[in-house]
Amino acid sequence: MSFDRRTRIEQMRNADRARDRRNRVVTIGVSAVVVAGLLGFGSYMLLEKSEAKEKKEESQAQDAKQTEEEKKDLAAEPIADEKSWDAKKLTRNHVTTDVKYPMEPPVGGDHAPAWLNCDGVVYEKAVPNVNAVHALEHGAVWVTHNGKASGDDVSKLASRVGSTPFSLMSPYEGQAGAIMLSAWGKQVTVDSADDPRVARFFAKYVQGAQTPEPGAPCTGGVDG
């Protein structure tokens, strides 16, 4: 093999090696850029999610504060045509027999040892008075309706009760009004689910000051 040919071959090999080195450098450089981009994008996304979470939590806290303030404002308003009974005269003995109450639905008096579950429970059928009264003793609001209440009103009331701990709802055919709300020693008849007295009654008496046993549970009792 001539000297010139060997020289050309060596030059070609050197060129190939140089090209390989350049390709490796380019590949490494591109990979580094890609990795840096991914890390940067990942950090950006984590930061965005963190900021979004903080904003959501701040918004929820603000909403909760606003709701609590609105509740206090509602609770401070008087409830027109509300009936009240002397809490001291509403006996609270546990009995195992039926009780004849002087009002329908009852708002207090002797009752069964087991309370009616009232953690936002909507009952489709009538419930025992003696168990419901025990739920009122724990600070629940009891919404009742008879056949004169419209389906739309019943649906709206069920939605409110379903989202409100310490409340329950059931049909009550013996009552005078189409829709009535009861708490321990308190009761009001309303015209419809949109009656502003509904919101006021809930704000004032769900675990309100009238509760004989504040802090007592509304779960772990009996279902209708």
C-alpha atoms as a PDB file:
ATOM      1  CA  MET A   1       0.000   0.000   0.000  1.00  0.00           C
ATOM      2  CA  SER A   2       1.418   3.334  -1.022  1.00  0.00           C
ATOM      3  CA  PHE A   3       2.192   6.097   1.422  1.00  0.00           C
ATOM      4  CA  ASP A   4      -0.440   8.394  -0.125  1.00  0.00           C
ATOM      5  CA  ARG A   5      -3.161   5.763   0.202  1.00  0.00           C
ATOM      6  CA  ARG A   6      -2.324   5.069   3.839  1.00  0.00           C
ATOM      7  CA  THR A   7      -2.360   8.762   4.490  1.00  0.00           C
ATOM      8  CA  ARG A   8      -5.800   9.148   2.915  1.00  0.00           C
ATOM      9  CA  ILE A   9      -7.160   6.202   4.905  1.00  0.00           C
ATOM     10  CA  GLU A  10      -5.785   7.624   8.138  1.00  0.00           C
ATOM     11  CA  GLN A  11      -7.253  11.015   7.300  1.00  0.00           C
ATOM     12  CA  MET A  12     -10.641   9.409   6.656  1.00  0.00           C
ATOM     13  CA  ARG A  13     -10.462   7.552   9.980  1.00  0.00           C
ATOM     14  CA  ASN A  14      -9.500  10.724  11.772  1.00  0.00           C
ATOM     15  CA  ALA A  15     -12.421  12.509  10.109  1.00  0.00           C
ATOM     16  CA  ASP A  16     -14.799   9.714  11.170  1.00  0.00           C
ATOM     17  CA  ARG A  17     -13.536   9.889  14.767  1.00  0.00           C
ATOM     18  CA  ALA A  18     -13.891  13.637  14.785  1.00  0.00           C
ATOM     19  CA  ARG A  19     -17.409  13.374  13.422  1.00  0.00           C
ATOM     20  CA  ASP A  20     -18.284  10.770  16.078  1.00  0.00           C
ATOM     21  CA  ARG A  21     -16.926  13.060  18.782  1.00  0.00           C
ATOM     22  CA  ARG A  22     -18.970  15.958  17.448  1.00  0.00           C
ATOM     23  CA  ASN A  23     -22.109  13.777  17.323  1.00  0.00           C
ATOM     24  CA  ARG A  24     -21.540  12.646  20.910  1.00  0.00           C
ATOM     25  CA  VAL A  25     -21.031  16.223  22.035  1.00  0.00           C
ATOM     26  CA  VAL A  26     -24.177  17.327  20.201  1.00  0.00           C
ATOM     27  CA  THR A  27     -26.147  14.373  21.613  1.00  0.00           C
ATOM     28  CA  ILE A  28     -24.944  15.083  25.145  1.00  0.00           C
ATOM     29  CA  GLY A  29     -25.718  18.766  24.715  1.00  0.00           C
ATOM     30  CA  VAL A  30     -29.198  18.118  23.383  1.00  0.00           C
ATOM     31  CA  SER A  31     -29.862  15.592  26.147  1.00  0.00           C
ATOM     32  CA  ALA A  32     -28.719  18.078  28.758  1.00  0.00           C
ATOM     33  CA  VAL A  33     -31.027  20.730  27.311  1.00  0.00           C
ATOM     34  CA  VAL A  34     -33.925  18.279  27.225  1.00  0.00           C
ATOM     35  CA  VAL A  35     -33.310  17.145  30.814  1.00  0.00           C
ATOM     36  CA  ALA A  36     -32.963  20.737  31.977  1.00  0.00           C
ATOM     37  CA  GLY A  37     -36.165  21.584  30.144  1.00  0.00           C
ATOM     38  CA  LEU A  38     -38.014  18.688  31.721  1.00  0.00           C
ATOM     39  CA  LEU A  39     -36.728  19.562  35.179  1.00  0.00           C
ATOM     40  CA  GLY A  40     -37.657  23.174  34.637  1.00  0.00           C
ATOM     41  CA  PHE A  41     -41.105  22.239  33.363  1.00  0.00           C
ATOM     42  CA  GLY A  42     -41.593  19.827  36.246  1.00  0.00           C
ATOM     43  CA  SER A  43     -40.584  22.489  38.752  1.00  0.00           C
ATOM     44  CA  TYR A  44     -42.900  24.959  37.048  1.00  0.00           C
ATOM     45  CA  MET A  45     -45.809  22.516  37.178  1.00  0.00           C
ATOM     46  CA  LEU A  46     -45.143  21.727  40.838  1.00  0.00           C
ATOM     47  CA  LEU A  47     -45.029  25.440  41.602  1.00  0.00           C
ATOM     48  CA  GLU A  48     -48.241  26.017  39.655  1.00  0.00           C
ATOM     49  CA  LYS A  49     -49.991  23.187  41.499  1.00  0.00           C
ATOM     50  CA  SER A  50     -48.726  24.445  44.841  1.00  0.00           C
ATOM     51  CA  GLU A  51     -49.912  27.977  44.115  1.00  0.00           C
ATOM     52  CA  ALA A  52     -53.265  26.678  42.843  1.00  0.00           C
ATOM     53  CA  LYS A  53     -53.673  24.583  46.010  1.00  0.00           C
ATOM     54  CA  GLU A  54     -52.863  27.570  48.210  1.00  0.00           C
ATOM     55  CA  LYS A  55     -55.341  29.755  46.323  1.00  0.00           C
ATOM     56  CA  LYS A  56     -58.020  27.060  46.622  1.00  0.00           C
ATOM     57  CA  GLU A  57     -57.427  26.688  50.360  1.00  0.00           C
ATOM     58  CA  GLU A  58     -57.511  30.465  50.815  1.00  0.00           C
ATOM     59  CA  SER A  59     -60.745  30.644  48.829  1.00  0.00           C
ATOM     60  CA  GLN A  60     -62.315  27.836  50.863  1.00  0.00           C
ATOM     61  CA  ALA A  61     -61.269  29.497  54.113  1.00  0.00           C
ATOM     62  CA  GLN A  62     -62.731  32.797  52.922  1.00  0.00           C
ATOM     63  CA  ASP A  63     -65.970  31.074  51.867  1.00  0.00           C
ATOM     64  CA  ALA A  64     -66.192  29.304  55.233  1.00  0.00           C
ATOM     65  CA  LYS A  65     -65.629  32.596  57.069  1.00  0.00           C
ATOM     66  CA  GLN A  66     -68.231  34.325  54.928  1.00  0.00           C
ATOM     67  CA  THR A  67     -70.698  31.472  55.446  1.00  0.00           C
ATOM     68  CA  GLU A  68     -70.160  31.593  59.206  1.00  0.00           C
ATOM     69  CA  GLU A  69     -70.709  35.355  59.231  1.00  0.00           C
ATOM     70  CA  GLU A  70     -73.855  34.976  57.135  1.00  0.00           C
ATOM     71  CA  LYS A  71     -75.065  32.279  59.507  1.00  0.00           C
ATOM     72  CA  LYS A  72     -74.568  34.588  62.487  1.00  0.00           C
ATOM     73  CA  ASP A  73     -76.442  37.352  60.696  1.00  0.00           C
ATOM     74  CA  LEU A  74     -79.324  35.005  59.893  1.00  0.00           C
ATOM     75  CA  ALA A  75     -79.424  33.632  63.423  1.00  0.00           C
ATOM     76  CA  ALA A  76     -79.711  37.154  64.787  1.00  0.00           C
ATOM     77  CA  GLU A  77     -82.863  37.873  62.787  1.00  0.00           C
ATOM     78  CA  PRO A  78     -86.254  37.191  64.426  1.00  0.00           C
ATOM     79  CA  ILE A  79     -88.412  34.396  63.040  1.00  0.00           C
ATOM     80  CA  ALA A  80     -91.966  35.561  62.421  1.00  0.00           C
ATOM     81  CA  ASP A  81     -94.792  33.440  63.909  1.00  0.00           C
ATOM     82  CA  GLU A  82     -92.339  31.156  65.684  1.00  0.00           C
ATOM     83  CA  LYS A  83     -93.773  29.195  68.608  1.00  0.00           C
ATOM     84  CA  SER A  84     -91.753  28.592  71.763  1.00  0.00           C
ATOM     85  CA  TRP A  85     -92.210  26.325  74.775  1.00  0.00           C
ATOM     86  CA  ASP A  86     -90.612  26.755  78.175  1.00  0.00           C
ATOM     87  CA  ALA A  87     -87.567  24.497  78.055  1.00  0.00           C
ATOM     88  CA  LYS A  88     -87.757  23.960  81.824  1.00  0.00           C
ATOM     89  CA  LYS A  89     -91.187  22.390  81.428  1.00  0.00           C
ATOM     90  CA  LEU A  90     -90.104  19.997  78.654  1.00  0.00           C
ATOM     91  CA  THR A  91     -89.219  16.841  80.551  1.00  0.00           C
ATOM     92  CA  ARG A  92     -86.264  14.767  79.365  1.00  0.00           C
ATOM     93  CA  ASN A  93     -86.803  11.323  80.876  1.00  0.00           C
ATOM     94  CA  HIS A  94     -85.916   8.193  78.918  1.00  0.00           C
ATOM     95  CA  VAL A  95     -88.956   5.956  78.528  1.00  0.00           C
ATOM     96  CA  THR A  96     -89.641   2.681  76.753  1.00  0.00           C
ATOM     97  CA  THR A  97     -93.323   3.374  76.056  1.00  0.00           C
ATOM     98  CA  ASP A  98     -95.048   5.668  73.588  1.00  0.00           C
ATOM     99  CA  VAL A  99     -95.521   9.287  74.653  1.00  0.00           C
ATOM    100  CA  LYS A 100     -98.552  11.513  74.112  1.00  0.00           C
ATOM    101  CA  TYR A 101     -97.145  14.899  73.159  1.00  0.00           C
ATOM    102  CA  PRO A 102     -99.198  18.122  73.401  1.00  0.00           C
ATOM    103  CA  MET A 103     -97.964  19.369  70.005  1.00  0.00           C
ATOM    104  CA  GLU A 104     -97.485  17.798  66.571  1.00  0.00           C
ATOM    105  CA  PRO A 105     -94.744  17.332  65.645  1.00  0.00           C
ATOM    106  CA  PRO A 106     -93.371  17.277  69.203  1.00  0.00           C
ATOM    107  CA  VAL A 107     -90.609  19.709  70.193  1.00  0.00           C
ATOM    108  CA  GLY A 108     -89.511  18.109  73.452  1.00  0.00           C
ATOM    109  CA  GLY A 109     -90.520  15.943  76.380  1.00  0.00           C
ATOM    110  CA  ASP A 110     -89.832  12.397  77.493  1.00  0.00           C
ATOM    111  CA  HIS A 111     -88.350  10.246  74.751  1.00  0.00           C
ATOM    112  CA  ALA A 112     -86.811   6.913  73.838  1.00  0.00           C
ATOM    113  CA  PRO A 113     -83.277   6.079  75.018  1.00  0.00           C
ATOM    114  CA  ALA A 114     -82.128   5.839  71.373  1.00  0.00           C
ATOM    115  CA  TRP A 115     -82.056   8.955  69.241  1.00  0.00           C
ATOM    116  CA  LEU A 116     -82.995   9.056  65.573  1.00  0.00           C
ATOM    117  CA  ASN A 117     -79.998   9.357  63.277  1.00  0.00           C
ATOM    118  CA  CYS A 118     -79.976  12.987  62.207  1.00  0.00           C
ATOM    119  CA  ASP A 119     -76.741  13.617  60.352  1.00  0.00           C
ATOM    120  CA  GLY A 120     -78.500  15.143  57.342  1.00  0.00           C
ATOM    121  CA  VAL A 121     -80.887  12.196  56.974  1.00  0.00           C
ATOM    122  CA  VAL A 122     -83.981  12.360  54.762  1.00  0.00           C
ATOM    123  CA  TYR A 123     -86.525   9.708  55.738  1.00  0.00           C
ATOM    124  CA  GLU A 124     -89.052   8.608  53.131  1.00  0.00           C
ATOM    125  CA  LYS A 125     -91.528   7.332  55.723  1.00  0.00           C
ATOM    126  CA  ALA A 126     -92.853   8.621  59.040  1.00  0.00           C
ATOM    127  CA  VAL A 127     -90.503   8.173  62.006  1.00  0.00           C
ATOM    128  CA  PRO A 128     -91.255   7.484  65.691  1.00  0.00           C
ATOM    129  CA  ASN A 129     -91.819  10.667  67.681  1.00  0.00           C
ATOM    130  CA  VAL A 130     -89.986   9.331  70.711  1.00  0.00           C
ATOM    131  CA  ASN A 131     -86.754   8.842  68.746  1.00  0.00           C
ATOM    132  CA  ALA A 132     -87.035  12.117  66.839  1.00  0.00           C
ATOM    133  CA  VAL A 133     -87.471  14.080  70.075  1.00  0.00           C
ATOM    134  CA  HIS A 134     -84.237  12.580  71.366  1.00  0.00           C
ATOM    135  CA  ALA A 135     -82.523  13.889  68.207  1.00  0.00           C
ATOM    136  CA  LEU A 136     -83.903  17.365  68.980  1.00  0.00           C
ATOM    137  CA  GLU A 137     -82.378  17.084  72.443  1.00  0.00           C
ATOM    138  CA  HIS A 138     -78.999  16.671  70.694  1.00  0.00           C
ATOM    139  CA  GLY A 139     -79.482  19.904  68.767  1.00  0.00           C
ATOM    140  CA  ALA A 140     -81.085  18.689  65.534  1.00  0.00           C
ATOM    141  CA  VAL A 141     -83.631  20.522  63.411  1.00  0.00           C
ATOM    142  CA  TRP A 142     -86.496  18.334  62.227  1.00  0.00           C
ATOM    143  CA  VAL A 143     -88.215  19.246  58.948  1.00  0.00           C
ATOM    144  CA  THR A 144     -91.627  17.669  58.432  1.00  0.00           C
ATOM    145  CA  HIS A 145     -94.148  17.819  55.608  1.00  0.00           C
ATOM    146  CA  ASN A 146     -97.575  16.428  54.819  1.00  0.00           C
ATOM    147  CA  GLY A 147     -99.399  15.666  51.591  1.00  0.00           C
ATOM    148  CA  LYS A 148    -100.120  19.353  50.994  1.00  0.00           C
ATOM    149  CA  ALA A 149     -96.442  20.175  50.425  1.00  0.00           C
ATOM    150  CA  SER A 150     -95.465  20.385  46.759  1.00  0.00           C
ATOM    151  CA  GLY A 151     -92.946  17.973  45.278  1.00  0.00           C
ATOM    152  CA  ASP A 152     -90.648  20.879  44.427  1.00  0.00           C
ATOM    153  CA  ASP A 153     -90.667  22.119  48.021  1.00  0.00           C
ATOM    154  CA  VAL A 154     -90.006  18.638  49.373  1.00  0.00           C
ATOM    155  CA  SER A 155     -87.072  18.247  46.965  1.00  0.00           C
ATOM    156  CA  LYS A 156     -85.524  21.593  47.950  1.00  0.00           C
ATOM    157  CA  LEU A 157     -85.912  20.861  51.645  1.00  0.00           C
ATOM    158  CA  ALA A 158     -84.390  17.406  51.194  1.00  0.00           C
ATOM    159  CA  SER A 159     -81.383  18.997  49.505  1.00  0.00           C
ATOM    160  CA  ARG A 160     -80.892  21.416  52.393  1.00  0.00           C
ATOM    161  CA  VAL A 161     -81.236  18.702  55.022  1.00  0.00           C
ATOM    162  CA  GLY A 162     -78.959  16.340  53.101  1.00  0.00           C
ATOM    163  CA  SER A 163     -76.145  18.889  53.235  1.00  0.00           C
ATOM    164  CA  THR A 164     -76.687  19.899  56.881  1.00  0.00           C
ATOM    165  CA  PRO A 165     -75.367  17.813  59.788  1.00  0.00           C
ATOM    166  CA  PHE A 166     -77.716  17.713  62.785  1.00  0.00           C
ATOM    167  CA  SER A 167     -80.880  17.856  60.713  1.00  0.00           C
ATOM    168  CA  LEU A 168     -83.446  15.330  59.552  1.00  0.00           C
ATOM    169  CA  MET A 169     -86.606  15.271  57.489  1.00  0.00           C
ATOM    170  CA  SER A 170     -89.657  13.043  57.320  1.00  0.00           C
ATOM    171  CA  PRO A 171     -93.326  13.014  56.333  1.00  0.00           C
ATOM    172  CA  TYR A 172     -95.796  13.829  59.133  1.00  0.00           C
ATOM    173  CA  GLU A 173     -99.416  13.531  58.121  1.00  0.00           C
ATOM    174  CA  GLY A 174    -100.880  14.677  61.443  1.00  0.00           C
ATOM    175  CA  GLN A 175     -99.405  18.172  61.410  1.00  0.00           C
ATOM    176  CA  ALA A 176    -101.436  21.313  60.736  1.00  0.00           C
ATOM    177  CA  GLY A 177     -99.119  23.031  58.245  1.00  0.00           C
ATOM    178  CA  ALA A 178     -97.807  21.715  54.943  1.00  0.00           C
ATOM    179  CA  ILE A 179     -94.190  22.338  56.021  1.00  0.00           C
ATOM    180  CA  MET A 180     -93.027  22.673  59.618  1.00  0.00           C
ATOM    181  CA  LEU A 181     -89.612  23.026  61.240  1.00  0.00           C
ATOM    182  CA  SER A 182     -88.994  21.915  64.802  1.00  0.00           C
ATOM    183  CA  ALA A 183     -86.131  22.186  67.279  1.00  0.00           C
ATOM    184  CA  TRP A 184     -86.091  21.607  71.038  1.00  0.00           C
ATOM    185  CA  GLY A 185     -88.772  23.992  72.348  1.00  0.00           C
ATOM    186  CA  LYS A 186     -89.094  25.790  68.993  1.00  0.00           C
ATOM    187  CA  GLN A 187     -91.356  25.400  65.960  1.00  0.00           C
ATOM    188  CA  VAL A 188     -92.476  27.332  62.894  1.00  0.00           C
ATOM    189  CA  THR A 189     -94.787  26.670  59.969  1.00  0.00           C
ATOM    190  CA  VAL A 190     -93.521  28.032  56.646  1.00  0.00           C
ATOM    191  CA  ASP A 191     -95.178  28.693  53.323  1.00  0.00           C
ATOM    192  CA  SER A 192     -92.586  27.027  51.098  1.00  0.00           C
ATOM    193  CA  ALA A 193     -89.003  25.813  50.926  1.00  0.00           C
ATOM    194  CA  ASP A 194     -88.025  29.293  49.706  1.00  0.00           C
ATOM    195  CA  ASP A 195     -89.508  30.992  52.760  1.00  0.00           C
ATOM    196  CA  PRO A 196     -86.598  32.994  54.311  1.00  0.00           C
ATOM    197  CA  ARG A 197     -87.578  31.670  57.734  1.00  0.00           C
ATOM    198  CA  VAL A 198     -86.217  28.263  56.728  1.00  0.00           C
ATOM    199  CA  ALA A 199     -82.646  29.560  56.478  1.00  0.00           C
ATOM    200  CA  ARG A 200     -83.066  31.559  59.687  1.00  0.00           C
ATOM    201  CA  PHE A 201     -84.420  28.561  61.603  1.00  0.00           C
ATOM    202  CA  PHE A 202     -81.512  26.377  60.473  1.00  0.00           C
ATOM    203  CA  ALA A 203     -78.944  29.082  61.257  1.00  0.00           C
ATOM    204  CA  LYS A 204     -80.398  29.656  64.711  1.00  0.00           C
ATOM    205  CA  TYR A 205     -81.268  26.173  65.915  1.00  0.00           C
ATOM    206  CA  VAL A 206     -78.948  23.603  64.316  1.00  0.00           C
ATOM    207  CA  GLN A 207     -76.808  22.963  67.407  1.00  0.00           C
ATOM    208  CA  GLY A 208     -78.185  26.244  68.710  1.00  0.00           C
ATOM    209  CA  ALA A 209     -78.381  27.703  72.197  1.00  0.00           C
ATOM    210  CA  GLN A 210     -81.637  25.823  72.848  1.00  0.00           C
ATOM    211  CA  THR A 211     -79.829  22.446  72.659  1.00  0.00           C
ATOM    212  CA  PRO A 212     -80.151  20.614  76.020  1.00  0.00           C
ATOM    213  CA  GLU A 213     -77.210  18.304  75.237  1.00  0.00           C
ATOM    214  CA  PRO A 214     -74.691  20.185  73.078  1.00  0.00           C
ATOM    215  CA  GLY A 215     -71.986  17.951  71.701  1.00  0.00           C
ATOM    216  CA  ALA A 216     -74.118  14.809  71.824  1.00  0.00           C
ATOM    217  CA  PRO A 217     -73.934  12.757  68.593  1.00  0.00           C
ATOM    218  CA  CYS A 218     -76.422  12.589  65.748  1.00  0.00           C
ATOM    219  CA  THR A 219     -75.097   9.257  64.453  1.00  0.00           C
ATOM    220  CA  GLY A 220     -74.999   5.832  66.070  1.00  0.00           C
ATOM    221  CA  GLY A 221     -78.696   5.934  66.895  1.00  0.00           C
ATOM    222  CA  VAL A 222     -81.575   4.281  65.055  1.00  0.00           C
ATOM    223  CA  ASP A 223     -83.042   4.705  61.574  1.00  0.00           C
ATOM    224  CA  GLY A 224     -86.765   5.311  61.490  1.00  0.00           C
END
